[in-house]
Amino acid sequence: QVQLVESGGDLVQPGGSLRLSCAASGRFDFILTMAWYRQAPGKERELVAVIADGGTTNYGDFVKGRFTISRDTAKNTIYLQMNTLKPEDTAVYYCNLFGYVSRSPGDYWGQGTEVTVSS
């Protein structure tokens, strides 16, 4: 049905930058939102950033201007530009799509891409 493929996770030093990508494929009728979540070891999954169909964006409080979510609508792809990375940003980052597939709402997740911020 719907597949989400993330890429871009890596080991980066504190203060560095990374750009994550998530490409959605499949037979979906309509995408309402696409988002990035993250889950650090021993912690709950949390919202990093979300972009709605109309282009509205929202971010987790911890982002504080460091990250930017964007999208290429034609490619059904979203990106997360992460700057000024901190060790506490270390986590598995998951892509999420919420939309309609075969006229039914659905919530879809990618496999995750690992980001490690360490010197």
C-alpha atoms as a PDB file:
ATOM      1  CA  GLN A   1       0.000   0.000   0.000  1.00  0.00           C
ATOM      2  CA  VAL A   2       1.975   2.940   1.334  1.00  0.00           C
ATOM      3  CA  GLN A   3       5.725   2.818   1.770  1.00  0.00           C
ATOM      4  CA  LEU A   4       7.878   5.404   3.454  1.00  0.00           C
ATOM      5  CA  VAL A   5      11.621   5.243   2.925  1.00  0.00           C
ATOM      6  CA  GLU A   6      13.848   7.412   5.090  1.00  0.00           C
ATOM      7  CA  SER A   7      17.470   8.246   4.450  1.00  0.00           C
ATOM      8  CA  GLY A   8      20.151  10.606   5.637  1.00  0.00           C
ATOM      9  CA  GLY A   9      20.816   9.421   9.166  1.00  0.00           C
ATOM     10  CA  ASP A  10      24.459   9.422  10.170  1.00  0.00           C
ATOM     11  CA  LEU A  11      27.009  10.055  12.888  1.00  0.00           C
ATOM     12  CA  VAL A  12      27.702  13.775  13.224  1.00  0.00           C
ATOM     13  CA  GLN A  13      29.630  15.921  15.660  1.00  0.00           C
ATOM     14  CA  PRO A  14      27.867  18.361  17.981  1.00  0.00           C
ATOM     15  CA  GLY A  15      27.124  21.583  16.153  1.00  0.00           C
ATOM     16  CA  GLY A  16      26.949  19.792  12.820  1.00  0.00           C
ATOM     17  CA  SER A  17      24.134  19.435  10.319  1.00  0.00           C
ATOM     18  CA  LEU A  18      22.213  16.645   8.651  1.00  0.00           C
ATOM     19  CA  ARG A  19      19.435  16.476   6.099  1.00  0.00           C
ATOM     20  CA  LEU A  20      16.947  13.640   6.330  1.00  0.00           C
ATOM     21  CA  SER A  21      14.692  12.599   3.460  1.00  0.00           C
ATOM     22  CA  CYS A  22      11.491  10.590   3.377  1.00  0.00           C
ATOM     23  CA  ALA A  23       9.961   9.416   0.119  1.00  0.00           C
ATOM     24  CA  ALA A  24       6.377   8.168   0.109  1.00  0.00           C
ATOM     25  CA  SER A  25       5.117   5.750  -2.501  1.00  0.00           C
ATOM     26  CA  GLY A  26       1.944   3.776  -2.998  1.00  0.00           C
ATOM     27  CA  ARG A  27      -1.646   4.277  -3.885  1.00  0.00           C
ATOM     28  CA  PHE A  28      -2.891   6.943  -1.554  1.00  0.00           C
ATOM     29  CA  ASP A  29      -5.771   9.217  -2.343  1.00  0.00           C
ATOM     30  CA  PHE A  30      -4.769  12.229  -0.337  1.00  0.00           C
ATOM     31  CA  ILE A  31      -1.999  13.158   2.066  1.00  0.00           C
ATOM     32  CA  LEU A  32      -3.135  15.273   4.998  1.00  0.00           C
ATOM     33  CA  THR A  33       0.167  15.552   6.850  1.00  0.00           C
ATOM     34  CA  MET A  34       3.695  14.239   6.727  1.00  0.00           C
ATOM     35  CA  ALA A  35       5.893  14.444   9.752  1.00  0.00           C
ATOM     36  CA  TRP A  36       9.117  13.496  11.460  1.00  0.00           C
ATOM     37  CA  TYR A  37       9.107  11.866  14.871  1.00  0.00           C
ATOM     38  CA  ARG A  38      12.037  10.636  16.882  1.00  0.00           C
ATOM     39  CA  GLN A  39      12.638   8.121  19.603  1.00  0.00           C
ATOM     40  CA  ALA A  40      15.702   8.095  21.786  1.00  0.00           C
ATOM     41  CA  PRO A  41      16.701   4.998  23.771  1.00  0.00           C
ATOM     42  CA  GLY A  42      14.478   4.618  26.817  1.00  0.00           C
ATOM     43  CA  LYS A  43      12.224   7.494  25.803  1.00  0.00           C
ATOM     44  CA  GLU A  44       8.852   7.828  24.149  1.00  0.00           C
ATOM     45  CA  ARG A  45       8.466   8.756  20.523  1.00  0.00           C
ATOM     46  CA  GLU A  46       8.026  12.513  20.110  1.00  0.00           C
ATOM     47  CA  LEU A  47       7.025  14.854  17.331  1.00  0.00           C
ATOM     48  CA  VAL A  48       9.894  16.714  15.691  1.00  0.00           C
ATOM     49  CA  ALA A  49       8.124  18.509  12.862  1.00  0.00           C
ATOM     50  CA  VAL A  50       4.979  18.242  10.774  1.00  0.00           C
ATOM     51  CA  ILE A  51       3.921  19.743   7.461  1.00  0.00           C
ATOM     52  CA  ALA A  52       0.289  19.805   6.395  1.00  0.00           C
ATOM     53  CA  ASP A  53      -1.142  19.599   2.917  1.00  0.00           C
ATOM     54  CA  GLY A  54      -1.524  23.369   2.805  1.00  0.00           C
ATOM     55  CA  GLY A  55       2.105  23.863   3.759  1.00  0.00           C
ATOM     56  CA  THR A  56       1.578  24.795   7.385  1.00  0.00           C
ATOM     57  CA  THR A  57       4.401  23.588   9.611  1.00  0.00           C
ATOM     58  CA  ASN A  58       4.753  22.958  13.300  1.00  0.00           C
ATOM     59  CA  TYR A  59       7.699  21.903  15.436  1.00  0.00           C
ATOM     60  CA  GLY A  60       8.440  20.329  18.761  1.00  0.00           C
ATOM     61  CA  ASP A  61       9.419  22.849  21.427  1.00  0.00           C
ATOM     62  CA  PHE A  62      12.950  21.474  21.604  1.00  0.00           C
ATOM     63  CA  VAL A  63      13.641  22.382  17.951  1.00  0.00           C
ATOM     64  CA  LYS A  64      13.902  26.111  18.731  1.00  0.00           C
ATOM     65  CA  GLY A  65      14.658  27.203  15.189  1.00  0.00           C
ATOM     66  CA  ARG A  66      17.343  24.605  14.538  1.00  0.00           C
ATOM     67  CA  PHE A  67      15.365  22.319  12.234  1.00  0.00           C
ATOM     68  CA  THR A  68      13.348  23.001   9.093  1.00  0.00           C
ATOM     69  CA  ILE A  69      10.814  20.672   7.503  1.00  0.00           C
ATOM     70  CA  SER A  70      10.114  21.046   3.809  1.00  0.00           C
ATOM     71  CA  ARG A  71       8.550  19.047   1.028  1.00  0.00           C
ATOM     72  CA  ASP A  72       8.603  18.329  -2.660  1.00  0.00           C
ATOM     73  CA  THR A  73       4.944  17.709  -3.390  1.00  0.00           C
ATOM     74  CA  ALA A  74       5.589  16.347  -6.877  1.00  0.00           C
ATOM     75  CA  LYS A  75       7.866  13.674  -5.429  1.00  0.00           C
ATOM     76  CA  ASN A  76       5.797  13.036  -2.277  1.00  0.00           C
ATOM     77  CA  THR A  77       8.993  13.598  -0.368  1.00  0.00           C
ATOM     78  CA  ILE A  78       9.695  15.530   2.796  1.00  0.00           C
ATOM     79  CA  TYR A  79      12.997  16.686   4.198  1.00  0.00           C
ATOM     80  CA  LEU A  80      14.265  17.637   7.609  1.00  0.00           C
ATOM     81  CA  GLN A  81      17.206  19.999   7.654  1.00  0.00           C
ATOM     82  CA  MET A  82      18.806  19.773  11.084  1.00  0.00           C
ATOM     83  CA  ASN A  83      21.377  22.341  12.130  1.00  0.00           C
ATOM     84  CA  THR A  84      23.277  22.954  15.337  1.00  0.00           C
ATOM     85  CA  LEU A  85      22.804  19.356  16.358  1.00  0.00           C
ATOM     86  CA  LYS A  86      23.198  18.421  20.000  1.00  0.00           C
ATOM     87  CA  PRO A  87      23.968  15.069  21.654  1.00  0.00           C
ATOM     88  CA  GLU A  88      20.386  15.020  22.930  1.00  0.00           C
ATOM     89  CA  ASP A  89      19.201  14.922  19.306  1.00  0.00           C
ATOM     90  CA  THR A  90      20.546  11.387  19.092  1.00  0.00           C
ATOM     91  CA  ALA A  91      17.615   9.141  18.209  1.00  0.00           C
ATOM     92  CA  VAL A  92      15.975   7.092  15.522  1.00  0.00           C
ATOM     93  CA  TYR A  93      14.021   9.455  13.310  1.00  0.00           C
ATOM     94  CA  TYR A  94      10.790   8.150  11.819  1.00  0.00           C
ATOM     95  CA  CYS A  95       8.766   9.471   8.941  1.00  0.00           C
ATOM     96  CA  ASN A  96       4.991   9.531   9.306  1.00  0.00           C
ATOM     97  CA  LEU A  97       2.235   9.986   6.761  1.00  0.00           C
ATOM     98  CA  PHE A  98      -1.401  10.545   7.632  1.00  0.00           C
ATOM     99  CA  GLY A  99      -3.824  10.445   4.773  1.00  0.00           C
ATOM    100  CA  TYR A 100      -6.487   8.580   2.867  1.00  0.00           C
ATOM    101  CA  VAL A 101      -5.876   5.234   1.191  1.00  0.00           C
ATOM    102  CA  SER A 102      -8.782   3.623  -0.618  1.00  0.00           C
ATOM    103  CA  ARG A 103     -11.045   6.254   0.939  1.00  0.00           C
ATOM    104  CA  SER A 104     -10.061   5.269   4.473  1.00  0.00           C
ATOM    105  CA  PRO A 105      -7.838   7.305   6.790  1.00  0.00           C
ATOM    106  CA  GLY A 106      -4.556   5.708   7.636  1.00  0.00           C
ATOM    107  CA  ASP A 107      -1.441   6.370   9.661  1.00  0.00           C
ATOM    108  CA  TYR A 108       1.797   5.072   8.132  1.00  0.00           C
ATOM    109  CA  TRP A 109       5.358   4.835   9.410  1.00  0.00           C
ATOM    110  CA  GLY A 110       8.759   4.326   7.909  1.00  0.00           C
ATOM    111  CA  GLN A 111      11.443   2.047   9.310  1.00  0.00           C
ATOM    112  CA  GLY A 112      13.458   4.889  10.753  1.00  0.00           C
ATOM    113  CA  THR A 113      16.895   6.353  10.174  1.00  0.00           C
ATOM    114  CA  GLU A 114      19.425   6.640  12.958  1.00  0.00           C
ATOM    115  CA  VAL A 115      21.003   9.937  13.916  1.00  0.00           C
ATOM    116  CA  THR A 116      23.903   9.950  16.351  1.00  0.00           C
ATOM    117  CA  VAL A 117      25.383  13.210  17.581  1.00  0.00           C
ATOM    118  CA  SER A 118      28.672  12.593  19.293  1.00  0.00           C
ATOM    119  CA  SER A 119      32.248  13.773  19.306  1.00  0.00           C
END
